[in-house]
Amino acid sequence: MSKCERRKMQLQNATALIARGKNHRARGLVRCVQEDERIEATGYRTWRCQNRNCLFCCGRYSRKFTGRYMRKIGKLLRDGYRLSFLTLTIPNTLSINPQLYKWLGMNLKRLMARSLFKGRVVGAIARIETDFNADSQDFHPHIHIILIYTQCIPQREIAEAWRDLIEPQLNEYAPSDVPGHEGGACVVWIEKIKPEEIKKTVAYLFRFKPFEDAEAFAEYDCAVRNIRLIQTYGALRGRKRRA
């Protein structure tokens, strides 16, 4: 994406936020566009909005977390632990809100606290991510997790545990209101991370994927404001591992 395209998209996102009455957040996005123009003219900028969804601040946000957890994961690998990449999904939905993300975060904690993970997983880092399909106009909330483990957990067991937590509450928090997704499944997928793919996988976990639809951006930005999207567990949270 060129600088002109990024600035144009950011201004469109700000306009969509203003339409929702979020003037303060919109002003921050607009000012970041102005600061980007300043750095092009003078070589420096003096201010950042620090909105994790800002097209000009997201890179710093991603690099900060990638660097931090690459160091921690690298140490665990040297200690002899192995890694897997786990993805948890729910059915697509036509709308999102803060309650949906709080519910996802709560159930993620409940899943990680289950006996299924105890004694096998020594640490994990998870991020709640959302894609938007411009063609079908629906959102795809899902969770990516890097697991550091001593013993691999079968995908079938994780899938059963995730569905046991999620499916009884789907109608309340994530109704299957998308055509073709009635009673949609909660898909679970896991694969081992090869040593040479660790850096790429950590960067993928924290990557920023912009919304090309301004209205979808505004809905997402309002839904995740003050919501913790990254969660850490065990060794990656700084807790001492049991011998």
C-alpha atoms as a PDB file:
ATOM      1  CA  MET A   1       0.000   0.000   0.000  1.00  0.00           C
ATOM      2  CA  SER A   2       1.437   3.389  -0.979  1.00  0.00           C
ATOM      3  CA  LYS A   3       1.593   6.327   1.415  1.00  0.00           C
ATOM      4  CA  CYS A   4      -1.176   8.127  -0.458  1.00  0.00           C
ATOM      5  CA  GLU A   5      -3.421   5.070  -0.305  1.00  0.00           C
ATOM      6  CA  ARG A   6      -2.716   4.623   3.406  1.00  0.00           C
ATOM      7  CA  ARG A   7      -3.521   8.244   4.170  1.00  0.00           C
ATOM      8  CA  LYS A   8      -6.723   8.056   2.144  1.00  0.00           C
ATOM      9  CA  MET A   9      -7.829   4.884   3.918  1.00  0.00           C
ATOM     10  CA  GLN A  10      -7.011   6.372   7.334  1.00  0.00           C
ATOM     11  CA  LEU A  11      -9.081   9.487   6.604  1.00  0.00           C
ATOM     12  CA  GLN A  12     -11.995   7.309   5.481  1.00  0.00           C
ATOM     13  CA  ASN A  13     -11.722   5.348   8.724  1.00  0.00           C
ATOM     14  CA  ALA A  14     -11.737   8.598  10.703  1.00  0.00           C
ATOM     15  CA  THR A  15     -14.871   9.750   8.879  1.00  0.00           C
ATOM     16  CA  ALA A  16     -16.607   6.467   9.752  1.00  0.00           C
ATOM     17  CA  LEU A  17     -15.677   6.933  13.431  1.00  0.00           C
ATOM     18  CA  ILE A  18     -17.060  10.480  13.415  1.00  0.00           C
ATOM     19  CA  ALA A  19     -20.355   9.126  12.078  1.00  0.00           C
ATOM     20  CA  ARG A  20     -20.477   6.908  15.174  1.00  0.00           C
ATOM     21  CA  GLY A  21     -19.778   9.827  17.494  1.00  0.00           C
ATOM     22  CA  LYS A  22     -16.167   8.772  18.219  1.00  0.00           C
ATOM     23  CA  ASN A  23     -14.699  12.192  17.451  1.00  0.00           C
ATOM     24  CA  HIS A  24     -11.722  11.896  19.803  1.00  0.00           C
ATOM     25  CA  ARG A  25     -10.454   8.657  18.243  1.00  0.00           C
ATOM     26  CA  ALA A  26     -11.081  10.061  14.781  1.00  0.00           C
ATOM     27  CA  ARG A  27      -8.990  13.151  15.569  1.00  0.00           C
ATOM     28  CA  GLY A  28      -6.111  10.916  16.606  1.00  0.00           C
ATOM     29  CA  LEU A  29      -6.193   9.088  13.269  1.00  0.00           C
ATOM     30  CA  VAL A  30      -6.333  12.363  11.331  1.00  0.00           C
ATOM     31  CA  ARG A  31      -3.427  13.800  13.282  1.00  0.00           C
ATOM     32  CA  CYS A  32      -1.358  10.701  12.511  1.00  0.00           C
ATOM     33  CA  VAL A  33      -1.959  11.371   8.806  1.00  0.00           C
ATOM     34  CA  GLN A  34      -0.730  14.930   9.321  1.00  0.00           C
ATOM     35  CA  GLU A  35       2.341  13.666  11.174  1.00  0.00           C
ATOM     36  CA  ASP A  36       3.107  11.288   8.334  1.00  0.00           C
ATOM     37  CA  GLU A  37       2.990  14.212   5.947  1.00  0.00           C
ATOM     38  CA  ARG A  38       5.301  16.106   8.308  1.00  0.00           C
ATOM     39  CA  ILE A  39       7.907  13.321   8.327  1.00  0.00           C
ATOM     40  CA  GLU A  40       7.864  13.265   4.544  1.00  0.00           C
ATOM     41  CA  ALA A  41       8.495  17.024   4.439  1.00  0.00           C
ATOM     42  CA  THR A  42      10.878  17.475   7.395  1.00  0.00           C
ATOM     43  CA  GLY A  43      12.266  14.012   8.186  1.00  0.00           C
ATOM     44  CA  TYR A  44      10.780  13.773  11.675  1.00  0.00           C
ATOM     45  CA  ARG A  45       7.497  13.444  13.507  1.00  0.00           C
ATOM     46  CA  THR A  46       6.646  14.616  17.012  1.00  0.00           C
ATOM     47  CA  TRP A  47       3.462  12.697  17.872  1.00  0.00           C
ATOM     48  CA  ARG A  48       1.709   9.337  17.504  1.00  0.00           C
ATOM     49  CA  CYS A  49      -1.890   8.442  18.324  1.00  0.00           C
ATOM     50  CA  GLN A  50      -0.777   4.955  19.564  1.00  0.00           C
ATOM     51  CA  ASN A  51      -4.070   3.452  18.443  1.00  0.00           C
ATOM     52  CA  ARG A  52      -3.233  -0.215  17.705  1.00  0.00           C
ATOM     53  CA  ASN A  53      -5.606  -0.010  14.712  1.00  0.00           C
ATOM     54  CA  CYS A  54      -3.944   3.083  13.252  1.00  0.00           C
ATOM     55  CA  LEU A  55      -2.337   2.440   9.863  1.00  0.00           C
ATOM     56  CA  PHE A  56       0.728   4.458  10.955  1.00  0.00           C
ATOM     57  CA  CYS A  57       1.136   3.173  14.529  1.00  0.00           C
ATOM     58  CA  CYS A  58       0.311  -0.499  13.977  1.00  0.00           C
ATOM     59  CA  GLY A  59       3.827  -1.326  12.771  1.00  0.00           C
ATOM     60  CA  ARG A  60       5.423  -0.232  16.052  1.00  0.00           C
ATOM     61  CA  TYR A  61       2.768  -2.185  17.953  1.00  0.00           C
ATOM     62  CA  SER A  62       3.489  -5.362  15.981  1.00  0.00           C
ATOM     63  CA  ARG A  63       7.285  -5.056  16.193  1.00  0.00           C
ATOM     64  CA  LYS A  64       7.187  -4.456  19.940  1.00  0.00           C
ATOM     65  CA  PHE A  65       5.324  -7.679  20.677  1.00  0.00           C
ATOM     66  CA  THR A  66       7.213  -9.711  18.068  1.00  0.00           C
ATOM     67  CA  GLY A  67      10.589  -8.750  19.544  1.00  0.00           C
ATOM     68  CA  ARG A  68       9.475  -9.261  23.127  1.00  0.00           C
ATOM     69  CA  TYR A  69       8.099 -12.750  22.657  1.00  0.00           C
ATOM     70  CA  MET A  70      10.745 -13.935  20.209  1.00  0.00           C
ATOM     71  CA  ARG A  71      13.280 -13.555  23.027  1.00  0.00           C
ATOM     72  CA  LYS A  72      11.128 -15.447  25.507  1.00  0.00           C
ATOM     73  CA  ILE A  73      10.227 -18.216  23.073  1.00  0.00           C
ATOM     74  CA  GLY A  74      13.847 -18.549  21.976  1.00  0.00           C
ATOM     75  CA  LYS A  75      14.912 -19.200  25.571  1.00  0.00           C
ATOM     76  CA  LEU A  76      12.252 -21.887  26.002  1.00  0.00           C
ATOM     77  CA  LEU A  77      13.381 -23.575  22.795  1.00  0.00           C
ATOM     78  CA  ARG A  78      16.953 -23.692  24.086  1.00  0.00           C
ATOM     79  CA  ASP A  79      15.554 -25.386  27.193  1.00  0.00           C
ATOM     80  CA  GLY A  80      14.239 -28.178  24.978  1.00  0.00           C
ATOM     81  CA  TYR A  81      10.539 -27.351  24.662  1.00  0.00           C
ATOM     82  CA  ARG A  82       8.554 -27.671  21.423  1.00  0.00           C
ATOM     83  CA  LEU A  83       5.999 -25.382  19.765  1.00  0.00           C
ATOM     84  CA  SER A  84       2.626 -25.714  18.058  1.00  0.00           C
ATOM     85  CA  PHE A  85       0.355 -23.175  16.389  1.00  0.00           C
ATOM     86  CA  LEU A  86      -3.285 -23.508  17.423  1.00  0.00           C
ATOM     87  CA  THR A  87      -6.267 -21.771  15.804  1.00  0.00           C
ATOM     88  CA  LEU A  88      -9.717 -21.595  17.419  1.00  0.00           C
ATOM     89  CA  THR A  89     -12.710 -20.241  15.498  1.00  0.00           C
ATOM     90  CA  ILE A  90     -16.375 -19.436  15.901  1.00  0.00           C
ATOM     91  CA  PRO A  91     -18.975 -18.995  13.128  1.00  0.00           C
ATOM     92  CA  ASN A  92     -18.865 -15.762  11.139  1.00  0.00           C
ATOM     93  CA  THR A  93     -21.159 -12.999  12.275  1.00  0.00           C
ATOM     94  CA  LEU A  94     -22.640  -9.887  10.674  1.00  0.00           C
ATOM     95  CA  SER A  95     -21.881  -7.670  13.675  1.00  0.00           C
ATOM     96  CA  ILE A  96     -19.377  -7.473  16.534  1.00  0.00           C
ATOM     97  CA  ASN A  97     -19.361  -5.729  19.924  1.00  0.00           C
ATOM     98  CA  PRO A  98     -17.265  -5.556  23.144  1.00  0.00           C
ATOM     99  CA  GLN A  99     -19.310  -8.336  24.775  1.00  0.00           C
ATOM    100  CA  LEU A 100     -18.281 -10.763  22.019  1.00  0.00           C
ATOM    101  CA  TYR A 101     -14.575 -10.147  22.642  1.00  0.00           C
ATOM    102  CA  LYS A 102     -14.927 -10.320  26.411  1.00  0.00           C
ATOM    103  CA  TRP A 103     -16.742 -13.626  25.995  1.00  0.00           C
ATOM    104  CA  LEU A 104     -14.024 -14.974  23.701  1.00  0.00           C
ATOM    105  CA  GLY A 105     -11.302 -13.927  26.141  1.00  0.00           C
ATOM    106  CA  MET A 106     -13.143 -15.478  29.073  1.00  0.00           C
ATOM    107  CA  ASN A 107     -13.589 -18.806  27.287  1.00  0.00           C
ATOM    108  CA  LEU A 108      -9.974 -18.804  26.167  1.00  0.00           C
ATOM    109  CA  LYS A 109      -8.906 -18.549  29.819  1.00  0.00           C
ATOM    110  CA  ARG A 110     -11.296 -21.338  30.739  1.00  0.00           C
ATOM    111  CA  LEU A 111      -9.902 -23.532  27.975  1.00  0.00           C
ATOM    112  CA  MET A 112      -6.302 -22.985  29.051  1.00  0.00           C
ATOM    113  CA  ALA A 113      -7.245 -23.764  32.658  1.00  0.00           C
ATOM    114  CA  ARG A 114      -8.628 -27.198  31.765  1.00  0.00           C
ATOM    115  CA  SER A 115      -6.772 -30.316  32.826  1.00  0.00           C
ATOM    116  CA  LEU A 116      -6.231 -31.055  29.139  1.00  0.00           C
ATOM    117  CA  PHE A 117      -3.420 -28.482  29.086  1.00  0.00           C
ATOM    118  CA  LYS A 118      -1.981 -29.021  32.560  1.00  0.00           C
ATOM    119  CA  GLY A 119       1.218 -31.035  32.610  1.00  0.00           C
ATOM    120  CA  ARG A 120       1.541 -30.721  28.834  1.00  0.00           C
ATOM    121  CA  VAL A 121       1.696 -26.980  28.079  1.00  0.00           C
ATOM    122  CA  VAL A 122       4.256 -24.905  29.982  1.00  0.00           C
ATOM    123  CA  GLY A 123       3.411 -21.603  28.313  1.00  0.00           C
ATOM    124  CA  ALA A 124       1.315 -19.970  25.610  1.00  0.00           C
ATOM    125  CA  ILE A 125       0.579 -16.668  23.951  1.00  0.00           C
ATOM    126  CA  ALA A 126      -2.768 -16.017  22.276  1.00  0.00           C
ATOM    127  CA  ARG A 127      -4.177 -13.216  20.176  1.00  0.00           C
ATOM    128  CA  ILE A 128      -7.796 -12.624  19.270  1.00  0.00           C
ATOM    129  CA  GLU A 129      -7.944 -11.586  15.626  1.00  0.00           C
ATOM    130  CA  THR A 130     -10.758 -10.539  13.295  1.00  0.00           C
ATOM    131  CA  ASP A 131     -11.016 -10.643   9.507  1.00  0.00           C
ATOM    132  CA  PHE A 132     -13.704  -8.962   7.434  1.00  0.00           C
ATOM    133  CA  ASN A 133     -15.079 -10.363   4.191  1.00  0.00           C
ATOM    134  CA  ALA A 134     -16.083  -7.439   1.985  1.00  0.00           C
ATOM    135  CA  ASP A 135     -18.036  -9.689  -0.382  1.00  0.00           C
ATOM    136  CA  SER A 136     -20.288 -11.308   2.231  1.00  0.00           C
ATOM    137  CA  GLN A 137     -20.036  -8.333   4.630  1.00  0.00           C
ATOM    138  CA  ASP A 138     -19.367 -10.539   7.667  1.00  0.00           C
ATOM    139  CA  PHE A 139     -16.739 -10.706  10.395  1.00  0.00           C
ATOM    140  CA  HIS A 140     -14.589 -13.718  11.214  1.00  0.00           C
ATOM    141  CA  PRO A 141     -13.365 -13.541  14.841  1.00  0.00           C
ATOM    142  CA  HIS A 142     -10.823 -16.224  15.726  1.00  0.00           C
ATOM    143  CA  ILE A 143      -7.922 -16.913  18.063  1.00  0.00           C
ATOM    144  CA  HIS A 144      -4.332 -17.806  17.205  1.00  0.00           C
ATOM    145  CA  ILE A 145      -2.179 -19.392  19.911  1.00  0.00           C
ATOM    146  CA  ILE A 146       1.458 -20.408  20.115  1.00  0.00           C
ATOM    147  CA  LEU A 147       1.733 -23.330  22.538  1.00  0.00           C
ATOM    148  CA  ILE A 148       5.011 -24.273  24.235  1.00  0.00           C
ATOM    149  CA  TYR A 149       4.673 -27.851  25.353  1.00  0.00           C
ATOM    150  CA  THR A 150       6.320 -31.018  26.602  1.00  0.00           C
ATOM    151  CA  GLN A 151       3.628 -33.306  25.201  1.00  0.00           C
ATOM    152  CA  CYS A 152       1.480 -32.563  22.157  1.00  0.00           C
ATOM    153  CA  ILE A 153      -2.294 -32.459  22.654  1.00  0.00           C
ATOM    154  CA  PRO A 154      -4.397 -34.201  19.965  1.00  0.00           C
ATOM    155  CA  GLN A 155      -6.469 -31.812  17.868  1.00  0.00           C
ATOM    156  CA  ARG A 156      -9.603 -33.857  18.521  1.00  0.00           C
ATOM    157  CA  GLU A 157      -9.318 -33.343  22.301  1.00  0.00           C
ATOM    158  CA  ILE A 158      -8.854 -29.578  21.945  1.00  0.00           C
ATOM    159  CA  ALA A 159     -11.789 -29.380  19.511  1.00  0.00           C
ATOM    160  CA  GLU A 160     -14.076 -31.213  21.922  1.00  0.00           C
ATOM    161  CA  ALA A 161     -13.082 -28.929  24.809  1.00  0.00           C
ATOM    162  CA  TRP A 162     -13.493 -25.736  22.728  1.00  0.00           C
ATOM    163  CA  ARG A 163     -16.931 -26.720  21.441  1.00  0.00           C
ATOM    164  CA  ASP A 164     -17.994 -27.736  24.920  1.00  0.00           C
ATOM    165  CA  LEU A 165     -17.239 -24.199  26.099  1.00  0.00           C
ATOM    166  CA  ILE A 166     -18.426 -22.201  23.087  1.00  0.00           C
ATOM    167  CA  GLU A 167     -21.403 -23.864  21.444  1.00  0.00           C
ATOM    168  CA  PRO A 168     -23.913 -23.598  24.365  1.00  0.00           C
ATOM    169  CA  GLN A 169     -23.494 -19.790  24.300  1.00  0.00           C
ATOM    170  CA  LEU A 170     -23.240 -19.107  20.570  1.00  0.00           C
ATOM    171  CA  ASN A 171     -26.801 -17.862  20.141  1.00  0.00           C
ATOM    172  CA  GLU A 172     -26.278 -15.254  22.851  1.00  0.00           C
ATOM    173  CA  TYR A 173     -22.811 -13.930  21.989  1.00  0.00           C
ATOM    174  CA  ALA A 174     -22.144 -14.911  18.373  1.00  0.00           C
ATOM    175  CA  PRO A 175     -25.417 -15.791  16.639  1.00  0.00           C
ATOM    176  CA  SER A 176     -25.036 -17.612  13.337  1.00  0.00           C
ATOM    177  CA  ASP A 177     -26.750 -14.839  11.371  1.00  0.00           C
ATOM    178  CA  VAL A 178     -24.669 -15.240   8.215  1.00  0.00           C
ATOM    179  CA  PRO A 179     -26.373 -16.997   5.287  1.00  0.00           C
ATOM    180  CA  GLY A 180     -24.832 -20.414   4.824  1.00  0.00           C
ATOM    181  CA  HIS A 181     -23.426 -20.467   8.362  1.00  0.00           C
ATOM    182  CA  GLU A 182     -26.551 -21.490  10.265  1.00  0.00           C
ATOM    183  CA  GLY A 183     -25.378 -23.334  13.356  1.00  0.00           C
ATOM    184  CA  GLY A 184     -21.838 -22.947  12.056  1.00  0.00           C
ATOM    185  CA  ALA A 185     -19.082 -25.080  13.461  1.00  0.00           C
ATOM    186  CA  CYS A 186     -16.350 -23.996  15.872  1.00  0.00           C
ATOM    187  CA  VAL A 187     -13.300 -25.142  13.931  1.00  0.00           C
ATOM    188  CA  VAL A 188     -10.033 -26.087  15.650  1.00  0.00           C
ATOM    189  CA  TRP A 189      -6.750 -26.563  13.834  1.00  0.00           C
ATOM    190  CA  ILE A 190      -3.229 -27.260  15.182  1.00  0.00           C
ATOM    191  CA  GLU A 191       0.164 -27.923  13.640  1.00  0.00           C
ATOM    192  CA  LYS A 192       3.742 -28.151  14.885  1.00  0.00           C
ATOM    193  CA  ILE A 193       6.044 -25.181  14.298  1.00  0.00           C
ATOM    194  CA  LYS A 194       9.342 -26.076  12.668  1.00  0.00           C
ATOM    195  CA  PRO A 195      12.441 -24.384  14.180  1.00  0.00           C
ATOM    196  CA  GLU A 196      13.138 -22.471  10.960  1.00  0.00           C
ATOM    197  CA  GLU A 197       9.560 -21.086  10.936  1.00  0.00           C
ATOM    198  CA  ILE A 198       9.450 -19.725  14.481  1.00  0.00           C
ATOM    199  CA  LYS A 199      10.290 -16.098  13.663  1.00  0.00           C
ATOM    200  CA  LYS A 200       7.823 -16.081  10.777  1.00  0.00           C
ATOM    201  CA  THR A 201       5.093 -17.580  12.982  1.00  0.00           C
ATOM    202  CA  VAL A 202       5.585 -15.080  15.810  1.00  0.00           C
ATOM    203  CA  ALA A 203       5.489 -12.217  13.290  1.00  0.00           C
ATOM    204  CA  TYR A 204       2.308 -13.711  11.810  1.00  0.00           C
ATOM    205  CA  LEU A 205       0.696 -13.831  15.259  1.00  0.00           C
ATOM    206  CA  PHE A 206       1.202 -10.090  15.736  1.00  0.00           C
ATOM    207  CA  ARG A 207       0.743  -8.937  12.145  1.00  0.00           C
ATOM    208  CA  PHE A 208      -1.660  -6.120  11.346  1.00  0.00           C
ATOM    209  CA  LYS A 209      -4.200  -6.670   8.590  1.00  0.00           C
ATOM    210  CA  PRO A 210      -6.121  -3.474   7.741  1.00  0.00           C
ATOM    211  CA  PHE A 211      -9.849  -3.406   7.099  1.00  0.00           C
ATOM    212  CA  GLU A 212     -10.496  -2.221   3.562  1.00  0.00           C
ATOM    213  CA  ASP A 213     -14.068  -1.235   4.467  1.00  0.00           C
ATOM    214  CA  ALA A 214     -14.234   1.952   6.582  1.00  0.00           C
ATOM    215  CA  GLU A 215     -17.547   1.038   8.226  1.00  0.00           C
ATOM    216  CA  ALA A 216     -16.164  -2.383   9.198  1.00  0.00           C
ATOM    217  CA  PHE A 217     -13.080  -0.670  10.631  1.00  0.00           C
ATOM    218  CA  ALA A 218     -15.187   1.672  12.733  1.00  0.00           C
ATOM    219  CA  GLU A 219     -17.295  -1.180  14.078  1.00  0.00           C
ATOM    220  CA  TYR A 220     -14.184  -3.180  14.940  1.00  0.00           C
ATOM    221  CA  ASP A 221     -12.350  -0.224  16.504  1.00  0.00           C
ATOM    222  CA  CYS A 222     -15.342   0.498  18.748  1.00  0.00           C
ATOM    223  CA  ALA A 223     -15.775  -3.193  19.625  1.00  0.00           C
ATOM    224  CA  VAL A 224     -12.180  -3.782  20.769  1.00  0.00           C
ATOM    225  CA  ARG A 225     -11.536  -0.484  22.515  1.00  0.00           C
ATOM    226  CA  ASN A 226     -10.158  -1.232  26.007  1.00  0.00           C
ATOM    227  CA  ILE A 227     -10.373  -4.962  25.247  1.00  0.00           C
ATOM    228  CA  ARG A 228      -7.296  -7.086  25.885  1.00  0.00           C
ATOM    229  CA  LEU A 229      -6.656  -9.008  22.674  1.00  0.00           C
ATOM    230  CA  ILE A 230      -3.338 -10.605  23.691  1.00  0.00           C
ATOM    231  CA  GLN A 231      -3.173 -13.098  26.552  1.00  0.00           C
ATOM    232  CA  THR A 232      -0.146 -14.950  27.909  1.00  0.00           C
ATOM    233  CA  TYR A 233       0.055 -18.061  30.073  1.00  0.00           C
ATOM    234  CA  GLY A 234       2.607 -19.923  32.158  1.00  0.00           C
ATOM    235  CA  ALA A 235       6.263 -19.446  31.190  1.00  0.00           C
ATOM    236  CA  LEU A 236       5.464 -16.644  28.754  1.00  0.00           C
ATOM    237  CA  ARG A 237       3.773 -14.729  31.544  1.00  0.00           C
ATOM    238  CA  GLY A 238       6.880 -14.759  33.693  1.00  0.00           C
ATOM    239  CA  ARG A 239       5.807 -17.528  36.025  1.00  0.00           C
ATOM    240  CA  LYS A 240       8.451 -19.984  37.134  1.00  0.00           C
ATOM    241  CA  ARG A 241       8.164 -23.440  35.638  1.00  0.00           C
ATOM    242  CA  ARG A 242       7.952 -26.375  37.986  1.00  0.00           C
ATOM    243  CA  ALA A 243      10.884 -28.729  37.904  1.00  0.00           C
END
